[in-house]
Amino acid sequence: MKPEISIIVPVYKVENYIRKCVDSILAQSFENFELILVDDGSPDNCPAICDEYAAKDPRVRVIHKPNGGLSDARNWGLNIAEGKYVGFVDSDDWVAEDMYELLYHSIIENDSDIAVCCHYEVVEGELFQINNFDGYPRVLGNVEGLSELLMDVRIKNLAWDKLYKRELFRNVNYPVGVYYEDTPTTYKLFLQASKVSLVNIPKYFYFKRKESITGSKNLKKLQDKFYGAYEKYDNVRSQYRDKIDKATWGWSANVVINEAMELYNYLLRQKDGTAQSGDVEKVKRFLRENLSVILTAKPIGPKLKMAALILSTSEAFYSLLYSTLIFPFRKEKNQSLM
């Protein structure tokens, strides 16, 4: 008998966390699932731990592959998944024992394509509930689901707090070699979903490791964050411009403009010629094409609106203001905090 659900867990350098993750999945009250552990060329004891679980529980399948990153590992898991539904768990996180039972029944009872639950962030032992669906219907249509995903407040651009019909991935893969890979992927699944059902209980535990809290930003991360947000906004807007309300587009533009300005300002601060014309032009194109949305969006503050207006009009003037006023102030503020 084929499993109803395939749960995919990419594994890399998590020997101190992987057992808690796997144990929480194997303890699920919903039992008809397969657990696919994708060893992404992990150099520690993870490969042996994965094989240990496979030897003990027939629901566990293990793939050993060369290192290719989180997206590549998820794609390998999707390629062999046999379940009608698929979910993802990051290997340093864990799930409540009834998470997949609740998500599964939510899909079945509501004939939905995706089910979403709330989640906790776990920071230094403390639990913080990140989202809730209070006051919202338990089932959203296609436009309503996409609207919530665009706002990124209640329904987050995350892979792991959801259960999906596997058929949604027929023409969708996670982009390999990209940070924040969920952003340019999840919206493609929501585009296909006629209904999205909500489980208003936190059932996923996202473990925020110390190194991820203090991790430094770099050009690649800033590029991927902006390009993913822009792609999502641009592609959905091209199809749903008149179907999604103005307020939602304002919230969505707020997400993109913050990533755009962070990338652009980072490029301005580089003294080694790091700035790339492609990045600059992409930021300016977003501003030009969406200036009316930006200037009328309530979530976007007046300073950000002014910055967008100036940069879209004169790159030289914006650069002068940033180098003479904003950047020196930022340096002084950072030094005062040391």
C-alpha atoms as a PDB file:
ATOM      1  CA  MET A   1       0.000   0.000   0.000  1.00  0.00           C
ATOM      2  CA  LYS A   2       1.345   3.383  -1.000  1.00  0.00           C
ATOM      3  CA  PRO A   3       1.707   6.070   1.671  1.00  0.00           C
ATOM      4  CA  GLU A   4      -0.821   8.909   1.723  1.00  0.00           C
ATOM      5  CA  ILE A   5       1.801  11.477   2.753  1.00  0.00           C
ATOM      6  CA  SER A   6       5.482  11.870   1.878  1.00  0.00           C
ATOM      7  CA  ILE A   7       7.466  13.923   4.399  1.00  0.00           C
ATOM      8  CA  ILE A   8      10.787  15.155   3.022  1.00  0.00           C
ATOM      9  CA  VAL A   9      13.665  16.131   5.314  1.00  0.00           C
ATOM     10  CA  PRO A  10      16.930  17.442   3.804  1.00  0.00           C
ATOM     11  CA  VAL A  11      19.831  16.544   6.096  1.00  0.00           C
ATOM     12  CA  TYR A  12      23.142  18.374   6.327  1.00  0.00           C
ATOM     13  CA  LYS A  13      25.420  18.980   9.329  1.00  0.00           C
ATOM     14  CA  VAL A  14      22.701  18.505  11.935  1.00  0.00           C
ATOM     15  CA  GLU A  15      23.926  15.520  13.952  1.00  0.00           C
ATOM     16  CA  ASN A  16      22.997  17.319  17.192  1.00  0.00           C
ATOM     17  CA  TYR A  17      19.424  18.001  16.068  1.00  0.00           C
ATOM     18  CA  ILE A  18      18.359  15.305  13.611  1.00  0.00           C
ATOM     19  CA  ARG A  19      17.151  12.756  16.173  1.00  0.00           C
ATOM     20  CA  LYS A  20      14.647  15.151  17.742  1.00  0.00           C
ATOM     21  CA  CYS A  21      13.365  16.032  14.296  1.00  0.00           C
ATOM     22  CA  VAL A  22      12.979  12.433  13.086  1.00  0.00           C
ATOM     23  CA  ASP A  23      11.521  11.192  16.377  1.00  0.00           C
ATOM     24  CA  SER A  24       8.813  13.861  16.229  1.00  0.00           C
ATOM     25  CA  ILE A  25       7.845  12.750  12.712  1.00  0.00           C
ATOM     26  CA  LEU A  26       7.829   9.038  13.508  1.00  0.00           C
ATOM     27  CA  ALA A  27       5.561   9.765  16.495  1.00  0.00           C
ATOM     28  CA  GLN A  28       2.833  11.234  14.259  1.00  0.00           C
ATOM     29  CA  SER A  29      -0.732  10.198  15.101  1.00  0.00           C
ATOM     30  CA  PHE A  30      -1.308   9.924  11.337  1.00  0.00           C
ATOM     31  CA  GLU A  31       0.603   6.755  10.499  1.00  0.00           C
ATOM     32  CA  ASN A  32       0.233   6.218   6.756  1.00  0.00           C
ATOM     33  CA  PHE A  33       3.259   8.212   5.627  1.00  0.00           C
ATOM     34  CA  GLU A  34       6.765   7.760   4.339  1.00  0.00           C
ATOM     35  CA  LEU A  35       9.676   9.758   5.704  1.00  0.00           C
ATOM     36  CA  ILE A  36      12.304  10.568   3.080  1.00  0.00           C
ATOM     37  CA  LEU A  37      15.628  11.561   4.634  1.00  0.00           C
ATOM     38  CA  VAL A  38      17.842  13.180   2.011  1.00  0.00           C
ATOM     39  CA  ASP A  39      21.456  13.078   3.156  1.00  0.00           C
ATOM     40  CA  ASP A  40      22.891  16.006   1.222  1.00  0.00           C
ATOM     41  CA  GLY A  41      26.497  14.828   1.430  1.00  0.00           C
ATOM     42  CA  SER A  42      26.685  15.621   5.139  1.00  0.00           C
ATOM     43  CA  PRO A  43      30.288  15.256   6.415  1.00  0.00           C
ATOM     44  CA  ASP A  44      29.310  14.447  10.017  1.00  0.00           C
ATOM     45  CA  ASN A  45      27.505  11.460  11.533  1.00  0.00           C
ATOM     46  CA  CYS A  46      24.181  12.261   9.852  1.00  0.00           C
ATOM     47  CA  PRO A  47      24.438   9.597   7.091  1.00  0.00           C
ATOM     48  CA  ALA A  48      24.843   6.851   9.692  1.00  0.00           C
ATOM     49  CA  ILE A  49      21.998   8.231  11.798  1.00  0.00           C
ATOM     50  CA  CYS A  50      19.699   8.253   8.762  1.00  0.00           C
ATOM     51  CA  ASP A  51      20.582   4.643   7.935  1.00  0.00           C
ATOM     52  CA  GLU A  52      19.987   3.692  11.566  1.00  0.00           C
ATOM     53  CA  TYR A  53      16.423   4.978  11.411  1.00  0.00           C
ATOM     54  CA  ALA A  54      15.788   3.280   8.060  1.00  0.00           C
ATOM     55  CA  ALA A  55      16.899  -0.035   9.531  1.00  0.00           C
ATOM     56  CA  LYS A  56      14.466   0.328  12.429  1.00  0.00           C
ATOM     57  CA  ASP A  57      11.351   1.699  10.711  1.00  0.00           C
ATOM     58  CA  PRO A  58      10.097   0.618   7.247  1.00  0.00           C
ATOM     59  CA  ARG A  59       8.457   4.042   6.746  1.00  0.00           C
ATOM     60  CA  VAL A  60      11.900   5.642   6.523  1.00  0.00           C
ATOM     61  CA  ARG A  61      13.654   5.907   3.147  1.00  0.00           C
ATOM     62  CA  VAL A  62      17.149   7.360   2.805  1.00  0.00           C
ATOM     63  CA  ILE A  63      18.858   9.019  -0.132  1.00  0.00           C
ATOM     64  CA  HIS A  64      22.624   9.625   0.000  1.00  0.00           C
ATOM     65  CA  LYS A  65      23.673  12.241  -2.550  1.00  0.00           C
ATOM     66  CA  PRO A  66      26.468  14.741  -3.197  1.00  0.00           C
ATOM     67  CA  ASN A  67      26.027  18.107  -1.538  1.00  0.00           C
ATOM     68  CA  GLY A  68      23.773  20.361  -3.591  1.00  0.00           C
ATOM     69  CA  GLY A  69      22.012  22.518  -1.034  1.00  0.00           C
ATOM     70  CA  LEU A  70      18.553  22.595   0.515  1.00  0.00           C
ATOM     71  CA  SER A  71      16.620  23.079  -2.731  1.00  0.00           C
ATOM     72  CA  ASP A  72      18.449  20.274  -4.489  1.00  0.00           C
ATOM     73  CA  ALA A  73      17.796  17.915  -1.575  1.00  0.00           C
ATOM     74  CA  ARG A  74      14.080  18.762  -1.572  1.00  0.00           C
ATOM     75  CA  ASN A  75      13.918  18.157  -5.321  1.00  0.00           C
ATOM     76  CA  TRP A  76      15.555  14.741  -4.934  1.00  0.00           C
ATOM     77  CA  GLY A  77      12.975  13.878  -2.303  1.00  0.00           C
ATOM     78  CA  LEU A  78      10.122  15.037  -4.543  1.00  0.00           C
ATOM     79  CA  ASN A  79      11.442  12.883  -7.379  1.00  0.00           C
ATOM     80  CA  ILE A  80      10.963   9.657  -5.393  1.00  0.00           C
ATOM     81  CA  ALA A  81       7.960  10.669  -3.251  1.00  0.00           C
ATOM     82  CA  GLU A  82       5.036   8.242  -3.536  1.00  0.00           C
ATOM     83  CA  GLY A  83       2.462   9.978  -1.357  1.00  0.00           C
ATOM     84  CA  LYS A  84      -0.597  11.760  -2.690  1.00  0.00           C
ATOM     85  CA  TYR A  85       0.371  14.639  -0.403  1.00  0.00           C
ATOM     86  CA  VAL A  86       3.770  16.041   0.485  1.00  0.00           C
ATOM     87  CA  GLY A  87       5.209  18.033   3.367  1.00  0.00           C
ATOM     88  CA  PHE A  88       8.642  19.314   4.349  1.00  0.00           C
ATOM     89  CA  VAL A  89      10.457  19.539   7.660  1.00  0.00           C
ATOM     90  CA  ASP A  90      13.841  21.187   8.162  1.00  0.00           C
ATOM     91  CA  SER A  91      16.198  18.841   9.957  1.00  0.00           C
ATOM     92  CA  ASP A  92      16.833  21.032  13.010  1.00  0.00           C
ATOM     93  CA  ASP A  93      13.104  21.658  13.578  1.00  0.00           C
ATOM     94  CA  TRP A  94      10.378  19.419  14.954  1.00  0.00           C
ATOM     95  CA  VAL A  95       6.597  18.970  14.702  1.00  0.00           C
ATOM     96  CA  ALA A  96       3.717  18.284  17.083  1.00  0.00           C
ATOM     97  CA  GLU A  97       2.529  14.678  17.022  1.00  0.00           C
ATOM     98  CA  ASP A  98      -0.834  15.550  15.430  1.00  0.00           C
ATOM     99  CA  MET A  99       0.414  18.099  12.881  1.00  0.00           C
ATOM    100  CA  TYR A 100       0.018  15.951   9.786  1.00  0.00           C
ATOM    101  CA  GLU A 101      -3.252  14.434  10.977  1.00  0.00           C
ATOM    102  CA  LEU A 102      -4.749  17.908  11.334  1.00  0.00           C
ATOM    103  CA  LEU A 103      -3.387  19.128   7.998  1.00  0.00           C
ATOM    104  CA  TYR A 104      -4.499  15.981   6.188  1.00  0.00           C
ATOM    105  CA  HIS A 105      -8.043  16.094   7.550  1.00  0.00           C
ATOM    106  CA  SER A 106      -8.228  19.808   6.774  1.00  0.00           C
ATOM    107  CA  ILE A 107      -7.474  19.043   3.118  1.00  0.00           C
ATOM    108  CA  ILE A 108      -9.873  16.094   2.938  1.00  0.00           C
ATOM    109  CA  GLU A 109     -12.782  17.773   4.733  1.00  0.00           C
ATOM    110  CA  ASN A 110     -12.507  20.994   2.751  1.00  0.00           C
ATOM    111  CA  ASP A 111     -11.415  19.519  -0.590  1.00  0.00           C
ATOM    112  CA  SER A 112      -8.458  21.923  -0.575  1.00  0.00           C
ATOM    113  CA  ASP A 113      -5.134  21.686  -2.373  1.00  0.00           C
ATOM    114  CA  ILE A 114      -2.972  23.111   0.420  1.00  0.00           C
ATOM    115  CA  ALA A 115      -3.417  23.153   4.196  1.00  0.00           C
ATOM    116  CA  VAL A 116      -1.502  25.600   6.395  1.00  0.00           C
ATOM    117  CA  CYS A 117      -0.962  25.597  10.162  1.00  0.00           C
ATOM    118  CA  CYS A 118       0.527  28.198  12.493  1.00  0.00           C
ATOM    119  CA  HIS A 119       4.034  27.841  13.868  1.00  0.00           C
ATOM    120  CA  TYR A 120       6.329  28.731  16.740  1.00  0.00           C
ATOM    121  CA  GLU A 121       9.810  30.171  16.599  1.00  0.00           C
ATOM    122  CA  VAL A 122      12.021  28.629  19.257  1.00  0.00           C
ATOM    123  CA  VAL A 123      14.684  31.127  20.361  1.00  0.00           C
ATOM    124  CA  GLU A 124      17.036  30.175  23.174  1.00  0.00           C
ATOM    125  CA  GLY A 125      14.432  27.842  24.658  1.00  0.00           C
ATOM    126  CA  GLU A 126      11.511  30.270  24.447  1.00  0.00           C
ATOM    127  CA  LEU A 127       8.468  29.766  22.222  1.00  0.00           C
ATOM    128  CA  PHE A 128       7.084  32.646  20.174  1.00  0.00           C
ATOM    129  CA  GLN A 129       3.904  32.100  18.160  1.00  0.00           C
ATOM    130  CA  ILE A 130       4.498  33.849  14.835  1.00  0.00           C
ATOM    131  CA  ASN A 131       1.095  33.810  13.170  1.00  0.00           C
ATOM    132  CA  ASN A 132      -2.567  33.037  13.751  1.00  0.00           C
ATOM    133  CA  PHE A 133      -5.732  32.900  11.691  1.00  0.00           C
ATOM    134  CA  ASP A 134      -8.098  34.388  14.275  1.00  0.00           C
ATOM    135  CA  GLY A 135     -11.214  35.804  12.665  1.00  0.00           C
ATOM    136  CA  TYR A 136     -10.462  34.220   9.292  1.00  0.00           C
ATOM    137  CA  PRO A 137     -12.527  31.606   7.468  1.00  0.00           C
ATOM    138  CA  ARG A 138     -11.106  28.120   7.577  1.00  0.00           C
ATOM    139  CA  VAL A 139     -11.067  27.886   3.787  1.00  0.00           C
ATOM    140  CA  LEU A 140      -9.756  30.478   1.318  1.00  0.00           C
ATOM    141  CA  GLY A 141     -10.344  30.563  -2.400  1.00  0.00           C
ATOM    142  CA  ASN A 142      -7.567  30.974  -4.945  1.00  0.00           C
ATOM    143  CA  VAL A 143      -7.512  34.786  -4.889  1.00  0.00           C
ATOM    144  CA  GLU A 144      -7.839  35.002  -1.098  1.00  0.00           C
ATOM    145  CA  GLY A 145      -5.041  32.463  -0.569  1.00  0.00           C
ATOM    146  CA  LEU A 146      -2.707  34.308  -2.919  1.00  0.00           C
ATOM    147  CA  SER A 147      -3.584  37.618  -1.262  1.00  0.00           C
ATOM    148  CA  GLU A 148      -2.583  36.289   2.143  1.00  0.00           C
ATOM    149  CA  LEU A 149       0.654  34.865   0.754  1.00  0.00           C
ATOM    150  CA  LEU A 150       1.489  38.193  -0.917  1.00  0.00           C
ATOM    151  CA  MET A 151       1.081  40.058   2.374  1.00  0.00           C
ATOM    152  CA  ASP A 152       3.313  37.491   4.127  1.00  0.00           C
ATOM    153  CA  VAL A 153       1.752  38.163   7.525  1.00  0.00           C
ATOM    154  CA  ARG A 154      -0.622  35.307   8.336  1.00  0.00           C
ATOM    155  CA  ILE A 155       0.320  32.862   5.588  1.00  0.00           C
ATOM    156  CA  LYS A 156       4.095  32.922   5.330  1.00  0.00           C
ATOM    157  CA  ASN A 157       6.316  32.172   2.342  1.00  0.00           C
ATOM    158  CA  LEU A 158       7.549  28.974   3.956  1.00  0.00           C
ATOM    159  CA  ALA A 159       7.657  25.376   2.766  1.00  0.00           C
ATOM    160  CA  TRP A 160       7.364  23.572   6.069  1.00  0.00           C
ATOM    161  CA  ASP A 161       4.127  24.699   7.765  1.00  0.00           C
ATOM    162  CA  LYS A 162       2.014  23.272   4.961  1.00  0.00           C
ATOM    163  CA  LEU A 163       0.755  20.074   3.385  1.00  0.00           C
ATOM    164  CA  TYR A 164       0.372  20.059  -0.394  1.00  0.00           C
ATOM    165  CA  LYS A 165      -1.191  17.876  -3.024  1.00  0.00           C
ATOM    166  CA  ARG A 166       1.874  16.383  -4.663  1.00  0.00           C
ATOM    167  CA  GLU A 167       0.481  17.072  -8.130  1.00  0.00           C
ATOM    168  CA  LEU A 168       1.084  20.809  -7.543  1.00  0.00           C
ATOM    169  CA  PHE A 169       4.809  20.099  -7.909  1.00  0.00           C
ATOM    170  CA  ARG A 170       4.416  18.520 -11.348  1.00  0.00           C
ATOM    171  CA  ASN A 171       6.067  21.517 -13.011  1.00  0.00           C
ATOM    172  CA  VAL A 172       7.562  23.196  -9.957  1.00  0.00           C
ATOM    173  CA  ASN A 173      11.020  22.663  -8.448  1.00  0.00           C
ATOM    174  CA  TYR A 174      12.922  24.531  -5.767  1.00  0.00           C
ATOM    175  CA  PRO A 175      15.627  26.758  -7.325  1.00  0.00           C
ATOM    176  CA  VAL A 176      19.066  25.271  -6.709  1.00  0.00           C
ATOM    177  CA  GLY A 177      21.833  27.505  -5.360  1.00  0.00           C
ATOM    178  CA  VAL A 178      19.439  30.176  -4.105  1.00  0.00           C
ATOM    179  CA  TYR A 179      18.899  31.552  -0.604  1.00  0.00           C
ATOM    180  CA  TYR A 180      15.295  32.082   0.561  1.00  0.00           C
ATOM    181  CA  GLU A 181      14.208  29.433  -1.913  1.00  0.00           C
ATOM    182  CA  ASP A 182      10.662  29.270  -0.542  1.00  0.00           C
ATOM    183  CA  THR A 183       9.739  32.749  -1.820  1.00  0.00           C
ATOM    184  CA  PRO A 184      10.102  32.068  -5.582  1.00  0.00           C
ATOM    185  CA  THR A 185       8.495  28.628  -5.145  1.00  0.00           C
ATOM    186  CA  THR A 186       5.523  28.750  -2.772  1.00  0.00           C
ATOM    187  CA  TYR A 187       3.555  31.279  -4.810  1.00  0.00           C
ATOM    188  CA  LYS A 188       3.688  28.954  -7.843  1.00  0.00           C
ATOM    189  CA  LEU A 189       1.919  26.300  -5.768  1.00  0.00           C
ATOM    190  CA  PHE A 190      -0.683  28.806  -4.555  1.00  0.00           C
ATOM    191  CA  LEU A 191      -1.323  29.917  -8.147  1.00  0.00           C
ATOM    192  CA  GLN A 192      -2.553  26.379  -8.833  1.00  0.00           C
ATOM    193  CA  ALA A 193      -4.538  25.945  -5.619  1.00  0.00           C
ATOM    194  CA  SER A 194      -8.283  26.400  -5.983  1.00  0.00           C
ATOM    195  CA  LYS A 195      -8.683  26.243  -2.198  1.00  0.00           C
ATOM    196  CA  VAL A 196      -6.351  26.702   0.793  1.00  0.00           C
ATOM    197  CA  SER A 197      -7.490  25.525   4.220  1.00  0.00           C
ATOM    198  CA  LEU A 198      -6.241  26.892   7.533  1.00  0.00           C
ATOM    199  CA  VAL A 199      -5.477  25.130  10.817  1.00  0.00           C
ATOM    200  CA  ASN A 200      -5.440  27.833  13.481  1.00  0.00           C
ATOM    201  CA  ILE A 201      -3.105  26.039  15.879  1.00  0.00           C
ATOM    202  CA  PRO A 202       0.714  26.242  16.001  1.00  0.00           C
ATOM    203  CA  LYS A 203       1.996  22.757  15.220  1.00  0.00           C
ATOM    204  CA  TYR A 204       5.444  23.395  13.728  1.00  0.00           C
ATOM    205  CA  PHE A 205       8.482  24.340  15.818  1.00  0.00           C
ATOM    206  CA  TYR A 206      11.045  26.393  13.911  1.00  0.00           C
ATOM    207  CA  PHE A 207      14.323  26.246  15.827  1.00  0.00           C
ATOM    208  CA  LYS A 208      16.238  29.471  15.361  1.00  0.00           C
ATOM    209  CA  ARG A 209      19.862  28.583  15.929  1.00  0.00           C
ATOM    210  CA  LYS A 210      22.225  31.184  17.358  1.00  0.00           C
ATOM    211  CA  GLU A 211      24.275  31.336  14.164  1.00  0.00           C
ATOM    212  CA  SER A 212      21.148  32.054  12.117  1.00  0.00           C
ATOM    213  CA  ILE A 213      20.167  34.890  14.465  1.00  0.00           C
ATOM    214  CA  THR A 214      23.556  36.603  14.267  1.00  0.00           C
ATOM    215  CA  GLY A 215      24.361  35.600  10.682  1.00  0.00           C
ATOM    216  CA  SER A 216      25.806  38.380   8.562  1.00  0.00           C
ATOM    217  CA  LYS A 217      24.268  39.594   5.322  1.00  0.00           C
ATOM    218  CA  ASN A 218      26.134  39.325   2.054  1.00  0.00           C
ATOM    219  CA  LEU A 219      25.496  40.324  -1.532  1.00  0.00           C
ATOM    220  CA  LYS A 220      24.266  36.893  -2.610  1.00  0.00           C
ATOM    221  CA  LYS A 221      21.680  36.745   0.192  1.00  0.00           C
ATOM    222  CA  LEU A 222      20.449  40.273  -0.507  1.00  0.00           C
ATOM    223  CA  GLN A 223      20.210  39.567  -4.237  1.00  0.00           C
ATOM    224  CA  ASP A 224      18.278  36.333  -3.751  1.00  0.00           C
ATOM    225  CA  LYS A 225      15.922  37.904  -1.225  1.00  0.00           C
ATOM    226  CA  PHE A 226      15.078  40.806  -3.537  1.00  0.00           C
ATOM    227  CA  TYR A 227      14.881  38.783  -6.750  1.00  0.00           C
ATOM    228  CA  GLY A 228      12.625  36.175  -5.144  1.00  0.00           C
ATOM    229  CA  ALA A 229      10.263  38.783  -3.691  1.00  0.00           C
ATOM    230  CA  TYR A 230      10.203  40.718  -6.967  1.00  0.00           C
ATOM    231  CA  GLU A 231       9.549  37.604  -9.044  1.00  0.00           C
ATOM    232  CA  LYS A 232       6.623  36.623  -6.832  1.00  0.00           C
ATOM    233  CA  TYR A 233       5.145  40.136  -6.900  1.00  0.00           C
ATOM    234  CA  ASP A 234       5.664  40.643 -10.637  1.00  0.00           C
ATOM    235  CA  ASN A 235       4.362  37.254 -11.781  1.00  0.00           C
ATOM    236  CA  VAL A 236       1.275  37.294  -9.576  1.00  0.00           C
ATOM    237  CA  ARG A 237       0.509  40.926 -10.466  1.00  0.00           C
ATOM    238  CA  SER A 238       0.706  40.140 -14.179  1.00  0.00           C
ATOM    239  CA  GLN A 239      -2.120  37.609 -13.735  1.00  0.00           C
ATOM    240  CA  TYR A 240      -4.131  39.034 -10.834  1.00  0.00           C
ATOM    241  CA  ARG A 241      -3.735  42.816 -11.112  1.00  0.00           C
ATOM    242  CA  ASP A 242      -7.503  43.467 -11.144  1.00  0.00           C
ATOM    243  CA  LYS A 243      -8.498  40.486  -8.987  1.00  0.00           C
ATOM    244  CA  ILE A 244      -6.522  41.404  -5.872  1.00  0.00           C
ATOM    245  CA  ASP A 245      -7.397  44.568  -3.976  1.00  0.00           C
ATOM    246  CA  LYS A 246      -5.274  47.699  -3.794  1.00  0.00           C
ATOM    247  CA  ALA A 247      -4.477  47.321  -0.092  1.00  0.00           C
ATOM    248  CA  THR A 248      -2.989  43.861  -0.663  1.00  0.00           C
ATOM    249  CA  TRP A 249      -0.784  45.128  -3.487  1.00  0.00           C
ATOM    250  CA  GLY A 250       0.416  47.832  -1.085  1.00  0.00           C
ATOM    251  CA  TRP A 251       1.398  45.250   1.510  1.00  0.00           C
ATOM    252  CA  SER A 252       3.136  43.163  -1.128  1.00  0.00           C
ATOM    253  CA  ALA A 253       4.984  46.173  -2.573  1.00  0.00           C
ATOM    254  CA  ASN A 254       6.128  46.997   0.955  1.00  0.00           C
ATOM    255  CA  VAL A 255       7.861  43.606   1.164  1.00  0.00           C
ATOM    256  CA  VAL A 256       9.616  44.084  -2.180  1.00  0.00           C
ATOM    257  CA  ILE A 257      10.683  47.706  -1.696  1.00  0.00           C
ATOM    258  CA  ASN A 258      12.329  46.919   1.628  1.00  0.00           C
ATOM    259  CA  GLU A 259      14.402  44.185  -0.031  1.00  0.00           C
ATOM    260  CA  ALA A 260      15.105  46.437  -3.033  1.00  0.00           C
ATOM    261  CA  MET A 261      16.395  49.353  -0.977  1.00  0.00           C
ATOM    262  CA  GLU A 262      18.452  47.117   1.284  1.00  0.00           C
ATOM    263  CA  LEU A 263      20.179  45.630  -1.760  1.00  0.00           C
ATOM    264  CA  TYR A 264      20.680  49.002  -3.456  1.00  0.00           C
ATOM    265  CA  ASN A 265      22.079  50.644  -0.322  1.00  0.00           C
ATOM    266  CA  TYR A 266      24.416  47.692   0.221  1.00  0.00           C
ATOM    267  CA  LEU A 267      25.762  48.175  -3.306  1.00  0.00           C
ATOM    268  CA  LEU A 268      26.307  51.880  -2.656  1.00  0.00           C
ATOM    269  CA  ARG A 269      28.423  51.095   0.402  1.00  0.00           C
ATOM    270  CA  GLN A 270      30.828  48.859  -1.494  1.00  0.00           C
ATOM    271  CA  LYS A 271      34.157  50.434  -2.403  1.00  0.00           C
ATOM    272  CA  ASP A 272      35.483  47.513  -4.413  1.00  0.00           C
ATOM    273  CA  GLY A 273      33.290  47.778  -7.488  1.00  0.00           C
ATOM    274  CA  THR A 274      30.869  45.155  -6.212  1.00  0.00           C
ATOM    275  CA  ALA A 275      27.884  47.080  -7.522  1.00  0.00           C
ATOM    276  CA  GLN A 276      26.417  45.304 -10.515  1.00  0.00           C
ATOM    277  CA  SER A 277      24.459  47.180 -13.158  1.00  0.00           C
ATOM    278  CA  GLY A 278      21.950  44.334 -13.473  1.00  0.00           C
ATOM    279  CA  ASP A 279      20.985  44.641  -9.819  1.00  0.00           C
ATOM    280  CA  VAL A 280      20.734  48.418 -10.014  1.00  0.00           C
ATOM    281  CA  GLU A 281      18.558  48.314 -13.124  1.00  0.00           C
ATOM    282  CA  LYS A 282      16.282  45.675 -11.604  1.00  0.00           C
ATOM    283  CA  VAL A 283      15.713  47.802  -8.501  1.00  0.00           C
ATOM    284  CA  LYS A 284      15.044  50.921 -10.585  1.00  0.00           C
ATOM    285  CA  ARG A 285      12.689  49.001 -12.874  1.00  0.00           C
ATOM    286  CA  PHE A 286      10.626  47.831  -9.911  1.00  0.00           C
ATOM    287  CA  LEU A 287      10.423  51.386  -8.580  1.00  0.00           C
ATOM    288  CA  ARG A 288       9.460  52.887 -11.931  1.00  0.00           C
ATOM    289  CA  GLU A 289       6.822  50.305 -12.754  1.00  0.00           C
ATOM    290  CA  ASN A 290       5.224  50.353  -9.295  1.00  0.00           C
ATOM    291  CA  LEU A 291       5.759  53.931  -8.147  1.00  0.00           C
ATOM    292  CA  SER A 292       2.042  54.711  -7.968  1.00  0.00           C
ATOM    293  CA  VAL A 293       1.438  51.631  -5.811  1.00  0.00           C
ATOM    294  CA  ILE A 294       4.397  52.511  -3.565  1.00  0.00           C
ATOM    295  CA  LEU A 295       3.392  56.145  -3.061  1.00  0.00           C
ATOM    296  CA  THR A 296      -0.198  55.270  -2.115  1.00  0.00           C
ATOM    297  CA  ALA A 297       0.502  52.130  -0.039  1.00  0.00           C
ATOM    298  CA  LYS A 298      -0.359  52.608   3.636  1.00  0.00           C
ATOM    299  CA  PRO A 299       2.192  50.068   4.978  1.00  0.00           C
ATOM    300  CA  ILE A 300       5.082  51.936   3.318  1.00  0.00           C
ATOM    301  CA  GLY A 301       6.389  54.757   5.503  1.00  0.00           C
ATOM    302  CA  PRO A 302       7.016  58.325   4.255  1.00  0.00           C
ATOM    303  CA  LYS A 303      10.823  58.014   4.337  1.00  0.00           C
ATOM    304  CA  LEU A 304      10.750  54.904   2.179  1.00  0.00           C
ATOM    305  CA  LYS A 305       8.302  56.522  -0.218  1.00  0.00           C
ATOM    306  CA  MET A 306      10.598  59.546  -0.520  1.00  0.00           C
ATOM    307  CA  ALA A 307      13.615  57.312  -1.114  1.00  0.00           C
ATOM    308  CA  ALA A 308      11.734  55.435  -3.840  1.00  0.00           C
ATOM    309  CA  LEU A 309      10.652  58.666  -5.500  1.00  0.00           C
ATOM    310  CA  ILE A 310      14.156  60.148  -5.481  1.00  0.00           C
ATOM    311  CA  LEU A 311      15.877  56.975  -6.703  1.00  0.00           C
ATOM    312  CA  SER A 312      13.347  56.434  -9.487  1.00  0.00           C
ATOM    313  CA  THR A 313      13.932  60.018 -10.621  1.00  0.00           C
ATOM    314  CA  SER A 314      17.671  60.504 -10.155  1.00  0.00           C
ATOM    315  CA  GLU A 315      20.128  57.792  -9.199  1.00  0.00           C
ATOM    316  CA  ALA A 316      22.933  60.369  -8.849  1.00  0.00           C
ATOM    317  CA  PHE A 317      20.935  62.560  -6.446  1.00  0.00           C
ATOM    318  CA  TYR A 318      19.934  59.576  -4.322  1.00  0.00           C
ATOM    319  CA  SER A 319      23.552  58.378  -4.180  1.00  0.00           C
ATOM    320  CA  LEU A 320      24.682  61.846  -3.085  1.00  0.00           C
ATOM    321  CA  LEU A 321      22.069  62.004  -0.316  1.00  0.00           C
ATOM    322  CA  TYR A 322      22.901  58.505   0.858  1.00  0.00           C
ATOM    323  CA  SER A 323      26.666  59.038   0.918  1.00  0.00           C
ATOM    324  CA  THR A 324      26.536  62.432   2.650  1.00  0.00           C
ATOM    325  CA  LEU A 325      23.593  62.061   5.019  1.00  0.00           C
ATOM    326  CA  ILE A 326      22.321  58.518   5.529  1.00  0.00           C
ATOM    327  CA  PHE A 327      25.465  56.377   5.483  1.00  0.00           C
ATOM    328  CA  PRO A 328      27.510  58.563   7.882  1.00  0.00           C
ATOM    329  CA  PHE A 329      24.537  58.557  10.278  1.00  0.00           C
ATOM    330  CA  ARG A 330      24.291  54.754  10.066  1.00  0.00           C
ATOM    331  CA  LYS A 331      28.004  54.362  10.837  1.00  0.00           C
ATOM    332  CA  GLU A 332      27.785  56.751  13.775  1.00  0.00           C
ATOM    333  CA  LYS A 333      24.722  54.943  15.149  1.00  0.00           C
ATOM    334  CA  ASN A 334      26.371  51.530  14.824  1.00  0.00           C
ATOM    335  CA  GLN A 335      29.519  52.746  16.559  1.00  0.00           C
ATOM    336  CA  SER A 336      27.480  54.147  19.442  1.00  0.00           C
ATOM    337  CA  LEU A 337      26.027  50.687  20.009  1.00  0.00           C
ATOM    338  CA  MET A 338      29.461  49.049  20.340  1.00  0.00           C
END
